[in-house]
Amino acid sequence: MVGLPESHTGWTFVTNHARVLAAIADNPSVRIRDIAAHCRLTERAVQRIISDLEQDGYLSHTRDGRSNTYRIEPDKVLRHPAEAGLSVAALLSLLVRDETDRLQPRAQRSSFADSNTTR
């Protein structure tokens, strides 16, 4: 994982379940401890979220010695009626940064406004 995000108080746009899923999408062999640190959650909270995601078929894991490798079901649709038809893959495409973006200095990345301007 690349650096820890700054701490934050108040409401946010993304749920903890989405944050955990994005962390797993970024690294399918990530440790619960690392997810917890990255998402600013307790390890127990991450375990509960992973259990929720597995129970509803969004995620599965295989055990390899003392570590897990997770598999996300990209075609599974999101649960809320407002997102009817939106797949996990579509959500993750918004949340998980491409490795090339991660390696570029912030100033070199194109801004959202630049990439969405139509003329």
N, C-alpha and C. Protein backbone atom coordinates (compact mmCIF):
# COMPACT_ATOMS: atom_id res chain seq x y z
N MET A 1 0.85 -1.18 0.00
CA MET A 1 0.00 0.00 0.00
C MET A 1 0.89 1.23 0.00
N VAL A 2 0.46 2.24 -0.68
CA VAL A 2 1.23 3.48 -0.77
C VAL A 2 0.75 4.45 0.29
N GLY A 3 1.58 4.75 1.27
CA GLY A 3 1.27 5.75 2.29
C GLY A 3 -0.10 5.63 2.92
N LEU A 4 -0.22 6.16 4.10
CA LEU A 4 -1.50 6.18 4.78
C LEU A 4 -2.19 7.51 4.54
N PRO A 5 -3.50 7.48 4.34
CA PRO A 5 -4.22 8.74 4.16
C PRO A 5 -4.24 9.54 5.46
N GLU A 6 -4.42 10.82 5.33
CA GLU A 6 -4.55 11.67 6.52
C GLU A 6 -5.83 11.31 7.25
N SER A 7 -5.85 11.53 8.58
CA SER A 7 -7.06 11.23 9.34
C SER A 7 -8.15 12.24 8.97
N HIS A 8 -9.39 11.84 9.19
CA HIS A 8 -10.52 12.65 8.76
C HIS A 8 -11.67 12.49 9.75
N THR A 9 -12.37 13.56 10.00
CA THR A 9 -13.58 13.48 10.82
C THR A 9 -14.75 13.98 9.99
N GLY A 10 -15.94 13.58 10.35
CA GLY A 10 -17.13 13.99 9.61
C GLY A 10 -17.55 12.94 8.59
N TRP A 11 -18.48 13.30 7.77
CA TRP A 11 -19.03 12.34 6.81
C TRP A 11 -18.13 12.23 5.59
N THR A 12 -18.30 11.12 4.86
CA THR A 12 -17.53 10.89 3.64
C THR A 12 -18.45 10.33 2.57
N PHE A 13 -17.99 10.32 1.34
CA PHE A 13 -18.79 9.82 0.24
C PHE A 13 -18.74 8.30 0.08
N VAL A 14 -17.71 7.67 0.57
CA VAL A 14 -17.48 6.25 0.33
C VAL A 14 -17.64 5.47 1.64
N THR A 15 -18.32 4.34 1.59
CA THR A 15 -18.52 3.52 2.78
C THR A 15 -17.26 2.73 3.12
N ASN A 16 -17.21 2.24 4.35
CA ASN A 16 -16.08 1.40 4.75
C ASN A 16 -16.04 0.11 3.96
N HIS A 17 -17.20 -0.43 3.59
CA HIS A 17 -17.23 -1.65 2.77
C HIS A 17 -16.57 -1.39 1.42
N ALA A 18 -16.85 -0.26 0.82
CA ALA A 18 -16.24 0.08 -0.47
C ALA A 18 -14.74 0.30 -0.32
N ARG A 19 -14.34 0.94 0.76
CA ARG A 19 -12.90 1.16 1.00
C ARG A 19 -12.15 -0.16 1.14
N VAL A 20 -12.71 -1.09 1.91
CA VAL A 20 -12.08 -2.40 2.09
C VAL A 20 -12.03 -3.14 0.76
N LEU A 21 -13.11 -3.12 0.02
CA LEU A 21 -13.14 -3.79 -1.28
C LEU A 21 -12.10 -3.19 -2.23
N ALA A 22 -11.95 -1.89 -2.23
CA ALA A 22 -10.96 -1.23 -3.08
C ALA A 22 -9.54 -1.61 -2.66
N ALA A 23 -9.29 -1.70 -1.36
CA ALA A 23 -7.96 -2.10 -0.88
C ALA A 23 -7.63 -3.52 -1.34
N ILE A 24 -8.63 -4.39 -1.31
CA ILE A 24 -8.43 -5.77 -1.76
C ILE A 24 -8.24 -5.81 -3.27
N ALA A 25 -8.98 -5.00 -3.99
CA ALA A 25 -8.82 -4.95 -5.45
C ALA A 25 -7.42 -4.48 -5.82
N ASP A 26 -6.90 -3.58 -5.03
CA ASP A 26 -5.57 -3.04 -5.26
C ASP A 26 -4.48 -4.08 -5.00
N ASN A 27 -4.73 -5.00 -4.05
CA ASN A 27 -3.77 -6.04 -3.71
C ASN A 27 -4.53 -7.23 -3.14
N PRO A 28 -4.83 -8.25 -3.95
CA PRO A 28 -5.62 -9.39 -3.49
C PRO A 28 -4.98 -10.20 -2.36
N SER A 29 -3.70 -10.00 -2.10
CA SER A 29 -3.02 -10.72 -1.02
C SER A 29 -2.77 -9.83 0.20
N VAL A 30 -3.44 -8.70 0.25
CA VAL A 30 -3.23 -7.74 1.34
C VAL A 30 -3.62 -8.34 2.68
N ARG A 31 -2.89 -7.97 3.72
CA ARG A 31 -3.20 -8.45 5.06
C ARG A 31 -4.29 -7.58 5.69
N ILE A 32 -5.08 -8.17 6.56
CA ILE A 32 -6.14 -7.44 7.27
C ILE A 32 -5.54 -6.27 8.02
N ARG A 33 -4.39 -6.45 8.61
CA ARG A 33 -3.70 -5.39 9.34
C ARG A 33 -3.43 -4.19 8.44
N ASP A 34 -3.01 -4.47 7.20
CA ASP A 34 -2.70 -3.38 6.26
C ASP A 34 -3.98 -2.69 5.76
N ILE A 35 -5.04 -3.47 5.55
CA ILE A 35 -6.32 -2.87 5.17
C ILE A 35 -6.80 -1.94 6.28
N ALA A 36 -6.72 -2.42 7.51
CA ALA A 36 -7.17 -1.63 8.66
C ALA A 36 -6.41 -0.32 8.75
N ALA A 37 -5.10 -0.37 8.60
CA ALA A 37 -4.29 0.85 8.68
C ALA A 37 -4.63 1.80 7.54
N HIS A 38 -4.76 1.27 6.33
CA HIS A 38 -5.05 2.11 5.18
C HIS A 38 -6.44 2.76 5.27
N CYS A 39 -7.41 1.98 5.71
CA CYS A 39 -8.80 2.47 5.77
C CYS A 39 -9.13 3.16 7.09
N ARG A 40 -8.17 3.20 8.00
CA ARG A 40 -8.38 3.81 9.32
C ARG A 40 -9.51 3.12 10.07
N LEU A 41 -9.46 1.78 10.08
CA LEU A 41 -10.44 0.96 10.78
C LEU A 41 -9.70 0.02 11.72
N THR A 42 -10.43 -0.60 12.63
CA THR A 42 -9.83 -1.64 13.45
C THR A 42 -9.75 -2.92 12.63
N GLU A 43 -8.84 -3.81 13.04
CA GLU A 43 -8.74 -5.09 12.35
C GLU A 43 -10.05 -5.87 12.48
N ARG A 44 -10.69 -5.77 13.63
CA ARG A 44 -11.96 -6.46 13.85
C ARG A 44 -13.03 -5.92 12.89
N ALA A 45 -13.08 -4.62 12.69
CA ALA A 45 -14.05 -4.03 11.75
C ALA A 45 -13.80 -4.54 10.34
N VAL A 46 -12.54 -4.63 9.94
CA VAL A 46 -12.20 -5.14 8.61
C VAL A 46 -12.62 -6.60 8.49
N GLN A 47 -12.40 -7.38 9.53
CA GLN A 47 -12.83 -8.79 9.51
C GLN A 47 -14.34 -8.89 9.32
N ARG A 48 -15.10 -8.05 10.02
CA ARG A 48 -16.57 -8.06 9.87
C ARG A 48 -16.99 -7.66 8.46
N ILE A 49 -16.34 -6.66 7.90
CA ILE A 49 -16.66 -6.21 6.55
C ILE A 49 -16.35 -7.31 5.54
N ILE A 50 -15.19 -7.93 5.67
CA ILE A 50 -14.84 -9.03 4.76
C ILE A 50 -15.85 -10.16 4.90
N SER A 51 -16.27 -10.46 6.11
CA SER A 51 -17.29 -11.49 6.33
C SER A 51 -18.60 -11.11 5.64
N ASP A 52 -19.02 -9.86 5.77
CA ASP A 52 -20.23 -9.38 5.08
C ASP A 52 -20.11 -9.58 3.57
N LEU A 53 -18.97 -9.16 3.02
CA LEU A 53 -18.77 -9.23 1.57
C LEU A 53 -18.73 -10.68 1.09
N GLU A 54 -18.13 -11.57 1.89
CA GLU A 54 -18.10 -12.99 1.52
C GLU A 54 -19.49 -13.61 1.64
N GLN A 55 -20.19 -13.28 2.70
CA GLN A 55 -21.52 -13.85 2.93
C GLN A 55 -22.47 -13.50 1.78
N ASP A 56 -22.36 -12.32 1.23
CA ASP A 56 -23.25 -11.90 0.14
C ASP A 56 -22.68 -12.16 -1.25
N GLY A 57 -21.55 -12.86 -1.33
CA GLY A 57 -21.02 -13.31 -2.61
C GLY A 57 -20.22 -12.29 -3.39
N TYR A 58 -19.79 -11.21 -2.76
CA TYR A 58 -18.98 -10.21 -3.45
C TYR A 58 -17.51 -10.55 -3.42
N LEU A 59 -17.13 -11.42 -2.51
CA LEU A 59 -15.73 -11.71 -2.24
C LEU A 59 -15.60 -13.15 -1.78
N SER A 60 -14.48 -13.79 -2.12
CA SER A 60 -14.15 -15.10 -1.58
C SER A 60 -12.64 -15.10 -1.31
N HIS A 61 -12.18 -16.09 -0.58
CA HIS A 61 -10.74 -16.15 -0.33
C HIS A 61 -10.26 -17.59 -0.34
N THR A 62 -8.99 -17.73 -0.62
CA THR A 62 -8.32 -19.01 -0.50
C THR A 62 -7.18 -18.82 0.49
N ARG A 63 -6.97 -19.84 1.26
CA ARG A 63 -5.93 -19.80 2.29
C ARG A 63 -4.64 -20.38 1.71
N ASP A 64 -3.54 -19.69 1.89
CA ASP A 64 -2.24 -20.16 1.45
C ASP A 64 -1.28 -20.03 2.63
N GLY A 65 -1.13 -21.10 3.38
CA GLY A 65 -0.34 -21.04 4.61
C GLY A 65 -1.03 -20.16 5.63
N ARG A 66 -0.35 -19.09 6.04
CA ARG A 66 -0.93 -18.18 7.03
C ARG A 66 -1.57 -16.96 6.39
N SER A 67 -1.58 -16.90 5.07
CA SER A 67 -2.15 -15.71 4.41
C SER A 67 -3.35 -16.08 3.54
N ASN A 68 -4.12 -15.07 3.20
CA ASN A 68 -5.29 -15.22 2.34
C ASN A 68 -5.04 -14.53 1.01
N THR A 69 -5.63 -15.08 -0.03
CA THR A 69 -5.69 -14.39 -1.31
C THR A 69 -7.17 -14.24 -1.62
N TYR A 70 -7.58 -13.00 -1.86
CA TYR A 70 -8.99 -12.70 -2.06
C TYR A 70 -9.33 -12.66 -3.54
N ARG A 71 -10.58 -13.01 -3.84
CA ARG A 71 -11.09 -12.93 -5.21
C ARG A 71 -12.39 -12.16 -5.16
N ILE A 72 -12.45 -11.08 -5.92
CA ILE A 72 -13.65 -10.25 -6.02
C ILE A 72 -14.49 -10.73 -7.18
N GLU A 73 -15.80 -10.75 -7.01
CA GLU A 73 -16.72 -11.10 -8.08
C GLU A 73 -17.08 -9.81 -8.83
N PRO A 74 -16.40 -9.50 -9.92
CA PRO A 74 -16.57 -8.21 -10.59
C PRO A 74 -17.93 -7.99 -11.24
N ASP A 75 -18.63 -9.07 -11.60
CA ASP A 75 -19.92 -8.92 -12.28
C ASP A 75 -21.10 -8.83 -11.32
N LYS A 76 -20.86 -9.03 -10.06
CA LYS A 76 -21.94 -8.95 -9.06
C LYS A 76 -22.44 -7.50 -9.01
N VAL A 77 -23.75 -7.33 -8.98
CA VAL A 77 -24.32 -5.97 -8.96
C VAL A 77 -24.43 -5.46 -7.53
N LEU A 78 -24.37 -4.15 -7.40
CA LEU A 78 -24.44 -3.51 -6.09
C LEU A 78 -25.83 -3.69 -5.48
N ARG A 79 -25.91 -3.60 -4.17
CA ARG A 79 -27.12 -3.96 -3.43
C ARG A 79 -28.22 -2.91 -3.43
N HIS A 80 -27.87 -1.65 -3.39
CA HIS A 80 -28.88 -0.59 -3.22
C HIS A 80 -29.67 -0.38 -4.51
N PRO A 81 -30.98 -0.20 -4.43
CA PRO A 81 -31.79 0.02 -5.63
C PRO A 81 -31.35 1.22 -6.48
N ALA A 82 -30.77 2.22 -5.85
CA ALA A 82 -30.31 3.39 -6.61
C ALA A 82 -29.15 3.05 -7.54
N GLU A 83 -28.43 1.97 -7.22
CA GLU A 83 -27.32 1.54 -8.08
C GLU A 83 -27.68 0.29 -8.88
N ALA A 84 -28.95 0.07 -9.10
CA ALA A 84 -29.40 -1.12 -9.82
C ALA A 84 -28.66 -1.23 -11.16
N GLY A 85 -28.07 -2.38 -11.38
CA GLY A 85 -27.37 -2.63 -12.63
C GLY A 85 -25.90 -2.24 -12.61
N LEU A 86 -25.45 -1.50 -11.61
CA LEU A 86 -24.05 -1.11 -11.51
C LEU A 86 -23.26 -2.27 -10.91
N SER A 87 -22.21 -2.68 -11.58
CA SER A 87 -21.43 -3.82 -11.11
C SER A 87 -20.32 -3.40 -10.16
N VAL A 88 -19.80 -4.39 -9.45
CA VAL A 88 -18.66 -4.16 -8.57
C VAL A 88 -17.48 -3.63 -9.40
N ALA A 89 -17.28 -4.18 -10.58
CA ALA A 89 -16.18 -3.73 -11.44
C ALA A 89 -16.32 -2.25 -11.78
N ALA A 90 -17.53 -1.79 -12.04
CA ALA A 90 -17.74 -0.37 -12.35
C ALA A 90 -17.41 0.50 -11.14
N LEU A 91 -17.82 0.06 -9.96
CA LEU A 91 -17.51 0.80 -8.75
C LEU A 91 -16.00 0.85 -8.53
N LEU A 92 -15.35 -0.29 -8.66
CA LEU A 92 -13.92 -0.35 -8.42
C LEU A 92 -13.13 0.46 -9.43
N SER A 93 -13.65 0.59 -10.64
CA SER A 93 -12.95 1.40 -11.64
C SER A 93 -12.88 2.86 -11.20
N LEU A 94 -13.80 3.28 -10.37
CA LEU A 94 -13.79 4.64 -9.84
C LEU A 94 -12.90 4.77 -8.60
N LEU A 95 -12.76 3.69 -7.84
CA LEU A 95 -12.08 3.75 -6.55
C LEU A 95 -10.61 3.35 -6.58
N VAL A 96 -10.23 2.46 -7.46
CA VAL A 96 -8.88 1.94 -7.46
C VAL A 96 -8.06 2.68 -8.51
N ARG A 97 -6.97 3.29 -8.05
CA ARG A 97 -6.11 4.02 -8.96
C ARG A 97 -5.25 3.05 -9.75
N ASP A 98 -5.05 3.37 -11.00
CA ASP A 98 -4.17 2.60 -11.85
C ASP A 98 -2.73 2.78 -11.36
N GLU A 99 -1.93 1.76 -11.48
CA GLU A 99 -0.55 1.81 -11.01
C GLU A 99 0.22 2.97 -11.65
N THR A 100 -0.05 3.29 -12.90
CA THR A 100 0.66 4.40 -13.55
C THR A 100 0.30 5.72 -12.90
N ASP A 101 -0.96 5.90 -12.48
CA ASP A 101 -1.36 7.12 -11.77
C ASP A 101 -0.64 7.22 -10.44
N ARG A 102 -0.48 6.10 -9.78
CA ARG A 102 0.13 6.08 -8.47
C ARG A 102 1.60 6.49 -8.53
N LEU A 103 2.27 6.18 -9.63
CA LEU A 103 3.69 6.47 -9.76
C LEU A 103 3.96 7.90 -10.22
N GLN A 104 2.98 8.55 -10.83
CA GLN A 104 3.17 9.92 -11.32
C GLN A 104 3.05 10.91 -10.17
N PRO A 105 3.88 11.94 -10.17
CA PRO A 105 3.68 13.01 -9.18
C PRO A 105 2.31 13.65 -9.39
N ARG A 106 1.71 14.12 -8.32
CA ARG A 106 0.36 14.68 -8.36
C ARG A 106 0.21 15.77 -9.42
N ALA A 107 1.20 16.62 -9.60
CA ALA A 107 1.11 17.73 -10.55
C ALA A 107 1.01 17.24 -12.00
N GLN A 108 1.51 16.04 -12.29
CA GLN A 108 1.48 15.53 -13.66
C GLN A 108 0.16 14.85 -14.01
N ARG A 109 -0.63 14.49 -13.00
CA ARG A 109 -1.91 13.83 -13.27
C ARG A 109 -2.89 14.83 -13.85
N SER A 110 -3.71 14.37 -14.80
CA SER A 110 -4.72 15.27 -15.34
C SER A 110 -5.85 15.42 -14.34
N SER A 111 -6.43 16.59 -14.28
CA SER A 111 -7.51 16.82 -13.33
C SER A 111 -8.81 16.28 -13.87
N PHE A 112 -9.74 16.06 -12.98
CA PHE A 112 -11.07 15.57 -13.35
C PHE A 112 -11.72 16.54 -14.32
N ALA A 113 -11.61 17.82 -14.06
CA ALA A 113 -12.24 18.82 -14.92
C ALA A 113 -11.64 18.78 -16.32
N ASP A 114 -10.31 18.61 -16.41
CA ASP A 114 -9.66 18.55 -17.73
C ASP A 114 -10.13 17.35 -18.52
N SER A 115 -10.29 16.20 -17.87
CA SER A 115 -10.64 14.99 -18.58
C SER A 115 -12.13 14.91 -18.92
N ASN A 116 -12.94 15.77 -18.32
CA ASN A 116 -14.36 15.72 -18.58
C ASN A 116 -14.90 16.96 -19.29
N THR A 117 -14.02 17.73 -19.88
CA THR A 117 -14.45 18.93 -20.59
C THR A 117 -14.87 18.54 -21.99
N THR A 118 -16.05 18.98 -22.39
CA THR A 118 -16.52 18.73 -23.76
C THR A 118 -16.67 20.06 -24.46
N ARG A 119 -16.31 20.07 -25.70
CA ARG A 119 -16.41 21.31 -26.48
C ARG A 119 -17.10 21.05 -27.78
